[in-house]
Structures are given as C-alpha cells and as structure tokens.
Amino acid sequence: MNSEEKNSRPLHNVIMEGRKNLTISGVTDVDSFDERCIVLYTQMGELVIKGRELHINSMSVETGDMTIDGDIWALNYGDKDKKGSPTFLGKLFR
C-alpha cells in the first residue's frame, strides 16, 4: 500500500470521556441500536457498544463521525474483515 492509499482511507478513532460520552470516527454503517447496545461497523471492523441509556446524538454519513452518550460499560471489536453483510447464521438468529 503506497502513501496515497493510506492518506485516502478514513481514519478510525474512539474518544471516551468519563465513560459517559463517546466520539467515534471512521463509522461506515450502523447495524442496530437500542438503549443497551449499539452495533456498528468501522474501518477497523465491527464495534459493539454496551451500556445503559445509550443515545446516538449525531451521525454524519459524509464524514463517518458519530457521538454517543449514556452509561458506557463495554466496547468490543468483532471481525476486522467483516464488511457489514450479515452471515447466514446472523440472518437466521435475528
């Protein structure tokens, strides 16, 4: 990968402030969300955010930036190669 390709790819960053506010860049898709769990896809793969009273405050489709607030308990990364398309088992158990 040359330097031009590296510069053209959006960056993925996660900034958490006091386990209450979360700013994420490099978001490519949001799979599902409710007050306890947000499942989204980033440049680095699937990201599952768990907590209580979670709210997506803003989401920019153009830039891939998202802000979330609530009582954040866990951030878990999934498969890095997953592109957002559900697997057969994922479709079956939804």
N, C-alpha and C. Protein backbone atom coordinates (compact mmCIF):
# COMPACT_ATOMS: atom_id res chain seq x y z
N MET A 1 0.85 -1.17 0.00
CA MET A 1 0.00 0.00 0.00
C MET A 1 0.90 1.24 0.00
N ASN A 2 0.67 2.13 -0.96
CA ASN A 2 1.50 3.32 -1.03
C ASN A 2 0.94 4.42 -0.13
N SER A 3 1.67 5.53 -0.01
CA SER A 3 1.27 6.59 0.92
C SER A 3 -0.01 7.29 0.48
N GLU A 4 -0.29 7.35 -0.83
CA GLU A 4 -1.54 7.95 -1.29
C GLU A 4 -2.74 7.15 -0.84
N GLU A 5 -2.65 5.82 -0.89
CA GLU A 5 -3.75 4.97 -0.45
C GLU A 5 -3.98 5.12 1.04
N LYS A 6 -2.90 5.21 1.82
CA LYS A 6 -3.05 5.38 3.26
C LYS A 6 -3.73 6.70 3.60
N ASN A 7 -3.38 7.76 2.88
CA ASN A 7 -3.96 9.07 3.16
C ASN A 7 -5.41 9.18 2.71
N SER A 8 -5.85 8.39 1.72
CA SER A 8 -7.21 8.47 1.22
C SER A 8 -8.19 7.68 2.08
N ARG A 9 -7.71 6.74 2.89
CA ARG A 9 -8.58 5.95 3.75
C ARG A 9 -9.00 6.76 4.98
N PRO A 10 -10.29 6.75 5.32
CA PRO A 10 -10.72 7.46 6.52
C PRO A 10 -10.10 6.82 7.77
N LEU A 11 -9.81 7.65 8.74
CA LEU A 11 -9.24 7.16 9.99
C LEU A 11 -10.34 6.69 10.92
N HIS A 12 -9.98 5.77 11.81
CA HIS A 12 -10.91 5.32 12.84
C HIS A 12 -10.33 5.68 14.19
N ASN A 13 -11.05 6.49 14.94
CA ASN A 13 -10.64 6.87 16.28
C ASN A 13 -11.81 6.73 17.23
N VAL A 14 -11.50 6.41 18.49
CA VAL A 14 -12.51 6.35 19.54
C VAL A 14 -12.01 7.21 20.69
N ILE A 15 -12.84 8.17 21.11
CA ILE A 15 -12.50 9.01 22.26
C ILE A 15 -13.64 8.88 23.26
N MET A 16 -13.31 8.41 24.48
CA MET A 16 -14.31 8.29 25.53
C MET A 16 -13.97 9.26 26.64
N GLU A 17 -14.98 10.00 27.08
CA GLU A 17 -14.80 10.96 28.14
C GLU A 17 -15.64 10.53 29.35
N GLY A 18 -14.96 10.09 30.39
CA GLY A 18 -15.62 9.75 31.64
C GLY A 18 -16.65 8.64 31.56
N ARG A 19 -16.54 7.74 30.62
CA ARG A 19 -17.48 6.64 30.42
C ARG A 19 -18.91 7.12 30.21
N LYS A 20 -19.06 8.38 29.81
CA LYS A 20 -20.39 8.95 29.55
C LYS A 20 -20.55 9.45 28.12
N ASN A 21 -19.47 9.92 27.52
CA ASN A 21 -19.52 10.47 26.16
C ASN A 21 -18.52 9.75 25.28
N LEU A 22 -18.96 9.40 24.08
CA LEU A 22 -18.12 8.65 23.16
C LEU A 22 -18.17 9.32 21.79
N THR A 23 -17.00 9.59 21.23
CA THR A 23 -16.89 10.15 19.89
C THR A 23 -16.15 9.14 19.04
N ILE A 24 -16.73 8.75 17.92
CA ILE A 24 -16.15 7.72 17.06
C ILE A 24 -16.03 8.28 15.65
N SER A 25 -14.89 8.07 15.01
CA SER A 25 -14.73 8.43 13.60
C SER A 25 -14.46 7.16 12.80
N GLY A 26 -14.69 7.21 11.51
CA GLY A 26 -14.47 6.05 10.66
C GLY A 26 -15.62 5.07 10.67
N VAL A 27 -16.83 5.52 11.05
CA VAL A 27 -18.01 4.66 11.06
C VAL A 27 -18.50 4.51 9.62
N THR A 28 -18.71 3.26 9.21
CA THR A 28 -19.19 3.01 7.85
C THR A 28 -20.65 2.60 7.80
N ASP A 29 -21.18 2.02 8.90
CA ASP A 29 -22.57 1.56 8.90
C ASP A 29 -23.02 1.32 10.33
N VAL A 30 -24.31 1.50 10.59
CA VAL A 30 -24.91 1.16 11.88
C VAL A 30 -25.84 -0.01 11.64
N ASP A 31 -25.58 -1.12 12.33
CA ASP A 31 -26.38 -2.33 12.15
C ASP A 31 -27.64 -2.27 12.99
N SER A 32 -27.50 -1.98 14.29
CA SER A 32 -28.66 -1.92 15.18
C SER A 32 -28.32 -1.06 16.39
N PHE A 33 -29.38 -0.56 17.04
CA PHE A 33 -29.16 0.21 18.26
C PHE A 33 -30.41 0.21 19.11
N ASP A 34 -30.20 0.22 20.41
CA ASP A 34 -31.26 0.44 21.39
C ASP A 34 -30.59 1.05 22.62
N GLU A 35 -31.30 1.14 23.72
CA GLU A 35 -30.75 1.81 24.91
C GLU A 35 -29.64 1.02 25.59
N ARG A 36 -29.48 -0.26 25.26
CA ARG A 36 -28.47 -1.09 25.92
C ARG A 36 -27.33 -1.54 25.01
N CYS A 37 -27.51 -1.47 23.69
CA CYS A 37 -26.49 -1.99 22.78
C CYS A 37 -26.55 -1.27 21.44
N ILE A 38 -25.38 -0.86 20.95
CA ILE A 38 -25.26 -0.27 19.62
C ILE A 38 -24.24 -1.11 18.86
N VAL A 39 -24.64 -1.62 17.69
CA VAL A 39 -23.75 -2.41 16.85
C VAL A 39 -23.49 -1.61 15.58
N LEU A 40 -22.20 -1.32 15.33
CA LEU A 40 -21.86 -0.55 14.15
C LEU A 40 -20.61 -1.11 13.51
N TYR A 41 -20.33 -0.66 12.29
CA TYR A 41 -19.16 -1.10 11.56
C TYR A 41 -18.26 0.09 11.31
N THR A 42 -16.96 -0.12 11.53
CA THR A 42 -15.97 0.93 11.36
C THR A 42 -14.92 0.47 10.36
N GLN A 43 -13.97 1.34 10.10
CA GLN A 43 -12.84 0.98 9.24
C GLN A 43 -12.03 -0.17 9.84
N MET A 44 -12.14 -0.39 11.14
CA MET A 44 -11.40 -1.45 11.82
C MET A 44 -12.26 -2.67 12.13
N GLY A 45 -13.48 -2.73 11.59
CA GLY A 45 -14.34 -3.88 11.80
C GLY A 45 -15.56 -3.55 12.64
N GLU A 46 -16.24 -4.59 13.06
CA GLU A 46 -17.45 -4.45 13.86
C GLU A 46 -17.11 -3.90 15.25
N LEU A 47 -17.95 -3.00 15.76
CA LEU A 47 -17.78 -2.46 17.10
C LEU A 47 -19.12 -2.54 17.81
N VAL A 48 -19.14 -3.21 18.98
CA VAL A 48 -20.35 -3.34 19.78
C VAL A 48 -20.15 -2.51 21.04
N ILE A 49 -21.08 -1.60 21.29
CA ILE A 49 -21.04 -0.73 22.46
C ILE A 49 -22.18 -1.15 23.36
N LYS A 50 -21.84 -1.49 24.62
CA LYS A 50 -22.87 -1.91 25.56
C LYS A 50 -22.92 -0.93 26.72
N GLY A 51 -24.12 -0.77 27.27
CA GLY A 51 -24.28 0.14 28.39
C GLY A 51 -25.74 0.29 28.76
N ARG A 52 -26.05 1.45 29.34
CA ARG A 52 -27.40 1.74 29.79
C ARG A 52 -27.75 3.15 29.34
N GLU A 53 -28.98 3.35 28.88
CA GLU A 53 -29.47 4.64 28.42
C GLU A 53 -28.57 5.24 27.34
N LEU A 54 -28.17 4.40 26.37
CA LEU A 54 -27.32 4.84 25.27
C LEU A 54 -28.14 5.63 24.26
N HIS A 55 -27.58 6.75 23.79
CA HIS A 55 -28.25 7.60 22.80
C HIS A 55 -27.24 8.00 21.74
N ILE A 56 -27.61 7.86 20.47
CA ILE A 56 -26.79 8.38 19.38
C ILE A 56 -27.19 9.84 19.22
N ASN A 57 -26.28 10.75 19.55
CA ASN A 57 -26.57 12.18 19.46
C ASN A 57 -26.43 12.71 18.04
N SER A 58 -25.38 12.27 17.35
CA SER A 58 -25.19 12.73 15.98
C SER A 58 -24.47 11.66 15.18
N MET A 59 -24.74 11.68 13.86
CA MET A 59 -24.10 10.75 12.94
C MET A 59 -23.98 11.44 11.60
N SER A 60 -22.78 11.54 11.08
CA SER A 60 -22.55 12.14 9.78
C SER A 60 -22.20 11.04 8.78
N VAL A 61 -23.04 10.86 7.80
CA VAL A 61 -22.81 9.85 6.77
C VAL A 61 -21.61 10.25 5.91
N GLU A 62 -21.44 11.55 5.66
CA GLU A 62 -20.35 12.02 4.82
C GLU A 62 -18.98 11.79 5.45
N THR A 63 -18.85 12.12 6.75
CA THR A 63 -17.54 12.03 7.41
C THR A 63 -17.34 10.74 8.19
N GLY A 64 -18.42 10.05 8.55
CA GLY A 64 -18.31 8.83 9.34
C GLY A 64 -18.12 9.10 10.82
N ASP A 65 -18.45 10.32 11.28
CA ASP A 65 -18.32 10.67 12.69
C ASP A 65 -19.63 10.42 13.42
N MET A 66 -19.52 9.96 14.67
CA MET A 66 -20.70 9.67 15.49
C MET A 66 -20.41 10.07 16.93
N THR A 67 -21.43 10.59 17.61
CA THR A 67 -21.31 10.86 19.05
C THR A 67 -22.42 10.11 19.78
N ILE A 68 -22.04 9.52 20.91
CA ILE A 68 -22.95 8.70 21.71
C ILE A 68 -22.80 9.14 23.15
N ASP A 69 -23.92 9.17 23.89
CA ASP A 69 -23.81 9.40 25.33
C ASP A 69 -24.66 8.37 26.06
N GLY A 70 -24.39 8.21 27.35
CA GLY A 70 -25.06 7.23 28.19
C GLY A 70 -24.07 6.65 29.18
N ASP A 71 -24.46 5.61 29.86
CA ASP A 71 -23.60 4.91 30.81
C ASP A 71 -22.92 3.77 30.05
N ILE A 72 -21.68 3.99 29.60
CA ILE A 72 -20.98 3.05 28.73
C ILE A 72 -20.26 2.00 29.57
N TRP A 73 -20.57 0.72 29.30
CA TRP A 73 -19.98 -0.38 30.05
C TRP A 73 -18.89 -1.10 29.29
N ALA A 74 -19.04 -1.24 27.97
CA ALA A 74 -18.07 -2.05 27.22
C ALA A 74 -18.01 -1.62 25.77
N LEU A 75 -16.80 -1.73 25.19
CA LEU A 75 -16.57 -1.57 23.76
C LEU A 75 -15.89 -2.85 23.30
N ASN A 76 -16.51 -3.56 22.37
CA ASN A 76 -15.97 -4.83 21.89
C ASN A 76 -15.85 -4.80 20.37
N TYR A 77 -14.64 -5.08 19.90
CA TYR A 77 -14.43 -5.19 18.46
C TYR A 77 -14.66 -6.62 18.02
N GLY A 78 -15.29 -6.75 16.86
CA GLY A 78 -15.52 -8.06 16.27
C GLY A 78 -14.56 -8.29 15.12
N ASP A 79 -15.02 -9.03 14.14
CA ASP A 79 -14.23 -9.42 12.99
C ASP A 79 -13.78 -8.21 12.19
N LYS A 80 -12.47 -8.07 11.99
CA LYS A 80 -11.92 -6.94 11.25
C LYS A 80 -12.27 -7.01 9.78
N ASP A 81 -12.43 -8.20 9.22
CA ASP A 81 -12.69 -8.35 7.79
C ASP A 81 -14.17 -8.26 7.44
N LYS A 82 -15.04 -8.23 8.43
CA LYS A 82 -16.47 -8.20 8.16
C LYS A 82 -16.84 -6.85 7.54
N LYS A 83 -17.59 -6.87 6.47
CA LYS A 83 -17.92 -5.65 5.73
C LYS A 83 -19.32 -5.16 6.02
N GLY A 84 -20.03 -5.76 6.95
CA GLY A 84 -21.37 -5.30 7.25
C GLY A 84 -22.47 -6.17 6.69
N SER A 85 -22.13 -7.15 5.88
CA SER A 85 -23.15 -8.04 5.37
C SER A 85 -23.34 -9.19 6.34
N PRO A 86 -24.58 -9.43 6.77
CA PRO A 86 -24.81 -10.49 7.75
C PRO A 86 -24.51 -11.88 7.17
N THR A 87 -24.01 -12.75 8.01
CA THR A 87 -23.77 -14.12 7.61
C THR A 87 -25.09 -14.88 7.64
N PHE A 88 -25.06 -16.10 7.13
CA PHE A 88 -26.26 -16.93 7.15
C PHE A 88 -26.76 -17.12 8.58
N LEU A 89 -25.86 -17.43 9.51
CA LEU A 89 -26.28 -17.64 10.90
C LEU A 89 -26.78 -16.34 11.51
N GLY A 90 -26.16 -15.21 11.14
CA GLY A 90 -26.63 -13.93 11.65
C GLY A 90 -28.05 -13.62 11.21
N LYS A 91 -28.37 -13.96 9.95
CA LYS A 91 -29.73 -13.75 9.45
C LYS A 91 -30.71 -14.69 10.14
N LEU A 92 -30.26 -15.92 10.37
CA LEU A 92 -31.12 -16.94 10.96
C LEU A 92 -31.53 -16.58 12.39
N PHE A 93 -30.61 -16.04 13.18
CA PHE A 93 -30.88 -15.77 14.59
C PHE A 93 -31.37 -14.36 14.87
N ARG A 94 -31.62 -13.57 13.87
CA ARG A 94 -32.16 -12.21 14.07
C ARG A 94 -33.61 -12.25 14.39
